[in-house]
Amino acid sequence: MRIGIIQATSQKSKNQILEKCVKQAVTAKDEVFNFDIFSDSDTQLSYVQVALAVALLINSNAVDFVITGCSSGQGMMLACNTFPNIQCGYVPTAQDAFLFVQINNGNVASLPLGLNWGWCGELQCNY
């Protein structure tokens, strides 16, 4: 599976944490691509602009699945779901993520990267 990572600029400081968590979770056969705006970049993209990029990545078959997010995760989920062939789920917990993939057969997962992140928020991302 080809997995893309991209999130809104407001949470670009979480990019490396997100990439590390995804790479720990995948199998040796999976490929992870980081399409993100890195913390040293001045580029500003809203969650709406990132959602368009997500739709292009999925619909062009560049990737099979995308991990994304914004401060609450909900805006990104809503924006992604406006595009054809996108099934984006809001996954604030590990249980939500498991059920979303198993039941809804989605191709995009939106994480809350600001809301309830707090101290050791990356631990939640690991699970």
C-alpha atoms as a PDB file:
ATOM      1  CA  MET A   1       0.000   0.000   0.000  1.00  0.00           C
ATOM      2  CA  ARG A   2       1.177   3.511  -0.806  1.00  0.00           C
ATOM      3  CA  ILE A   3       0.427   5.849   2.084  1.00  0.00           C
ATOM      4  CA  GLY A   4       0.624   9.624   1.875  1.00  0.00           C
ATOM      5  CA  ILE A   5       1.028  12.057   4.752  1.00  0.00           C
ATOM      6  CA  ILE A   6      -0.098  15.677   4.502  1.00  0.00           C
ATOM      7  CA  GLN A   7      -1.780  18.039   6.943  1.00  0.00           C
ATOM      8  CA  ALA A   8      -2.820  21.668   7.234  1.00  0.00           C
ATOM      9  CA  THR A   9      -0.098  24.255   7.717  1.00  0.00           C
ATOM     10  CA  SER A  10      -1.493  25.151  11.149  1.00  0.00           C
ATOM     11  CA  GLN A  11      -0.160  21.813  12.390  1.00  0.00           C
ATOM     12  CA  LYS A  12       3.061  21.557  10.380  1.00  0.00           C
ATOM     13  CA  SER A  13       5.057  21.204  13.601  1.00  0.00           C
ATOM     14  CA  LYS A  14       3.467  17.747  14.006  1.00  0.00           C
ATOM     15  CA  ASN A  15       4.646  16.521  10.587  1.00  0.00           C
ATOM     16  CA  GLN A  16       7.743  14.642  11.716  1.00  0.00           C
ATOM     17  CA  ILE A  17       5.850  13.017  14.618  1.00  0.00           C
ATOM     18  CA  LEU A  18       3.101  11.919  12.239  1.00  0.00           C
ATOM     19  CA  GLU A  19       5.594  10.513   9.742  1.00  0.00           C
ATOM     20  CA  LYS A  20       7.435   8.587  12.460  1.00  0.00           C
ATOM     21  CA  CYS A  21       4.193   7.090  13.796  1.00  0.00           C
ATOM     22  CA  VAL A  22       3.027   6.025  10.327  1.00  0.00           C
ATOM     23  CA  LYS A  23       6.384   4.458   9.459  1.00  0.00           C
ATOM     24  CA  GLN A  24       6.299   2.451  12.700  1.00  0.00           C
ATOM     25  CA  ALA A  25       2.817   1.142  11.900  1.00  0.00           C
ATOM     26  CA  VAL A  26       3.284  -0.025   8.304  1.00  0.00           C
ATOM     27  CA  THR A  27       4.624  -3.298   6.956  1.00  0.00           C
ATOM     28  CA  ALA A  28       7.827  -3.708   4.958  1.00  0.00           C
ATOM     29  CA  LYS A  29       5.773  -3.864   1.734  1.00  0.00           C
ATOM     30  CA  ASP A  30       4.152  -0.468   2.339  1.00  0.00           C
ATOM     31  CA  GLU A  31       5.557   2.807   1.032  1.00  0.00           C
ATOM     32  CA  VAL A  32       5.182   6.074   2.946  1.00  0.00           C
ATOM     33  CA  PHE A  33       5.354   9.410   1.136  1.00  0.00           C
ATOM     34  CA  ASN A  34       5.487  12.696   3.014  1.00  0.00           C
ATOM     35  CA  PHE A  35       3.891  15.396   0.841  1.00  0.00           C
ATOM     36  CA  ASP A  36       3.865  17.885   3.629  1.00  0.00           C
ATOM     37  CA  ILE A  37       4.866  21.389   4.380  1.00  0.00           C
ATOM     38  CA  PHE A  38       7.794  21.137   6.738  1.00  0.00           C
ATOM     39  CA  SER A  39       8.297  23.327   9.786  1.00  0.00           C
ATOM     40  CA  ASP A  40      11.045  25.365   8.085  1.00  0.00           C
ATOM     41  CA  SER A  41       8.794  26.298   5.132  1.00  0.00           C
ATOM     42  CA  ASP A  42       6.954  29.618   4.833  1.00  0.00           C
ATOM     43  CA  THR A  43       4.274  28.106   2.573  1.00  0.00           C
ATOM     44  CA  GLN A  44       0.767  28.439   3.997  1.00  0.00           C
ATOM     45  CA  LEU A  45      -1.988  26.017   2.962  1.00  0.00           C
ATOM     46  CA  SER A  46      -5.440  25.832   4.536  1.00  0.00           C
ATOM     47  CA  TYR A  47      -7.193  22.557   5.186  1.00  0.00           C
ATOM     48  CA  VAL A  48      -9.339  23.246   2.105  1.00  0.00           C
ATOM     49  CA  GLN A  49      -6.237  23.491  -0.106  1.00  0.00           C
ATOM     50  CA  VAL A  50      -4.759  20.373   1.483  1.00  0.00           C
ATOM     51  CA  ALA A  51      -8.054  18.516   0.913  1.00  0.00           C
ATOM     52  CA  LEU A  52      -7.761  19.296  -2.798  1.00  0.00           C
ATOM     53  CA  ALA A  53      -4.224  17.869  -2.766  1.00  0.00           C
ATOM     54  CA  VAL A  54      -5.517  14.763  -0.968  1.00  0.00           C
ATOM     55  CA  ALA A  55      -8.216  14.282  -3.616  1.00  0.00           C
ATOM     56  CA  LEU A  56      -5.656  14.642  -6.408  1.00  0.00           C
ATOM     57  CA  LEU A  57      -3.329  12.107  -4.768  1.00  0.00           C
ATOM     58  CA  ILE A  58      -6.099   9.520  -4.301  1.00  0.00           C
ATOM     59  CA  ASN A  59      -7.874  10.045  -7.632  1.00  0.00           C
ATOM     60  CA  SER A  60      -4.639   9.972  -9.643  1.00  0.00           C
ATOM     61  CA  ASN A  61      -3.694   6.682  -7.929  1.00  0.00           C
ATOM     62  CA  ALA A  62      -0.472   8.250  -6.668  1.00  0.00           C
ATOM     63  CA  VAL A  63      -1.326   6.817  -3.233  1.00  0.00           C
ATOM     64  CA  ASP A  64      -3.872   4.364  -1.853  1.00  0.00           C
ATOM     65  CA  PHE A  65      -4.415   5.949   1.556  1.00  0.00           C
ATOM     66  CA  VAL A  66      -3.740   9.358   3.118  1.00  0.00           C
ATOM     67  CA  ILE A  67      -3.151  10.329   6.733  1.00  0.00           C
ATOM     68  CA  THR A  68      -4.079  13.972   7.223  1.00  0.00           C
ATOM     69  CA  GLY A  69      -5.371  16.364   9.828  1.00  0.00           C
ATOM     70  CA  CYS A  70      -5.807  19.885  11.077  1.00  0.00           C
ATOM     71  CA  SER A  71      -6.280  21.450  14.491  1.00  0.00           C
ATOM     72  CA  SER A  72      -9.577  19.685  15.215  1.00  0.00           C
ATOM     73  CA  GLY A  73      -9.436  17.093  12.424  1.00  0.00           C
ATOM     74  CA  GLN A  74     -13.068  17.800  11.605  1.00  0.00           C
ATOM     75  CA  GLY A  75     -12.516  20.595   9.088  1.00  0.00           C
ATOM     76  CA  MET A  76     -10.108  18.428   7.110  1.00  0.00           C
ATOM     77  CA  MET A  77     -12.528  15.504   7.178  1.00  0.00           C
ATOM     78  CA  LEU A  78     -15.388  17.663   5.912  1.00  0.00           C
ATOM     79  CA  ALA A  79     -13.249  19.301   3.224  1.00  0.00           C
ATOM     80  CA  CYS A  80     -11.904  15.949   1.984  1.00  0.00           C
ATOM     81  CA  ASN A  81     -15.373  14.410   1.822  1.00  0.00           C
ATOM     82  CA  THR A  82     -16.535  17.077  -0.648  1.00  0.00           C
ATOM     83  CA  PHE A  83     -14.417  15.454  -3.360  1.00  0.00           C
ATOM     84  CA  PRO A  84     -15.396  12.394  -5.432  1.00  0.00           C
ATOM     85  CA  ASN A  85     -13.988   8.978  -4.516  1.00  0.00           C
ATOM     86  CA  ILE A  86     -12.852  10.195  -1.092  1.00  0.00           C
ATOM     87  CA  GLN A  87     -14.021   8.458   2.070  1.00  0.00           C
ATOM     88  CA  CYS A  88     -12.423  10.443   4.874  1.00  0.00           C
ATOM     89  CA  GLY A  89     -13.031   9.506   8.477  1.00  0.00           C
ATOM     90  CA  TYR A  90     -12.464  11.512  11.630  1.00  0.00           C
ATOM     91  CA  VAL A  91     -10.264   9.327  13.828  1.00  0.00           C
ATOM     92  CA  PRO A  92      -9.507  10.950  17.199  1.00  0.00           C
ATOM     93  CA  THR A  93      -8.814   7.600  18.906  1.00  0.00           C
ATOM     94  CA  ALA A  94      -7.184   4.295  18.044  1.00  0.00           C
ATOM     95  CA  GLN A  95     -10.586   2.607  18.305  1.00  0.00           C
ATOM     96  CA  ASP A  96     -12.087   5.056  15.802  1.00  0.00           C
ATOM     97  CA  ALA A  97      -9.184   4.429  13.416  1.00  0.00           C
ATOM     98  CA  PHE A  98      -9.583   0.650  13.656  1.00  0.00           C
ATOM     99  CA  LEU A  99     -13.345   0.756  13.122  1.00  0.00           C
ATOM    100  CA  PHE A 100     -13.088   3.274  10.277  1.00  0.00           C
ATOM    101  CA  VAL A 101     -10.736   1.092   8.266  1.00  0.00           C
ATOM    102  CA  GLN A 102     -12.552  -2.171   9.059  1.00  0.00           C
ATOM    103  CA  ILE A 103     -16.144  -1.026   8.618  1.00  0.00           C
ATOM    104  CA  ASN A 104     -16.130   2.036   6.365  1.00  0.00           C
ATOM    105  CA  ASN A 105     -13.351   1.010   3.959  1.00  0.00           C
ATOM    106  CA  GLY A 106     -12.119   4.597   3.836  1.00  0.00           C
ATOM    107  CA  ASN A 107      -9.101   5.926   1.996  1.00  0.00           C
ATOM    108  CA  VAL A 108      -8.316   9.034   4.087  1.00  0.00           C
ATOM    109  CA  ALA A 109      -7.984   9.398   7.862  1.00  0.00           C
ATOM    110  CA  SER A 110      -8.170  12.833   9.481  1.00  0.00           C
ATOM    111  CA  LEU A 111      -6.557  13.269  12.884  1.00  0.00           C
ATOM    112  CA  PRO A 112      -7.077  16.046  15.438  1.00  0.00           C
ATOM    113  CA  LEU A 113      -3.530  17.384  15.657  1.00  0.00           C
ATOM    114  CA  GLY A 114      -4.325  20.299  17.957  1.00  0.00           C
ATOM    115  CA  LEU A 115      -7.479  19.393  19.868  1.00  0.00           C
ATOM    116  CA  ASN A 116      -6.637  17.310  22.955  1.00  0.00           C
ATOM    117  CA  TRP A 117      -3.057  16.858  21.739  1.00  0.00           C
ATOM    118  CA  GLY A 118      -1.483  18.102  24.943  1.00  0.00           C
ATOM    119  CA  TRP A 119       1.561  16.660  26.635  1.00  0.00           C
ATOM    120  CA  CYS A 120       2.636  13.344  25.054  1.00  0.00           C
ATOM    121  CA  GLY A 121       0.066  13.657  22.259  1.00  0.00           C
ATOM    122  CA  GLU A 122       2.361  11.614  20.041  1.00  0.00           C
ATOM    123  CA  LEU A 123       1.643   8.579  22.241  1.00  0.00           C
ATOM    124  CA  GLN A 124      -1.998   8.634  21.110  1.00  0.00           C
ATOM    125  CA  CYS A 125      -0.745   8.780  17.533  1.00  0.00           C
ATOM    126  CA  ASN A 126       1.303   5.622  18.090  1.00  0.00           C
ATOM    127  CA  TYR A 127      -1.796   3.633  18.975  1.00  0.00           C
END
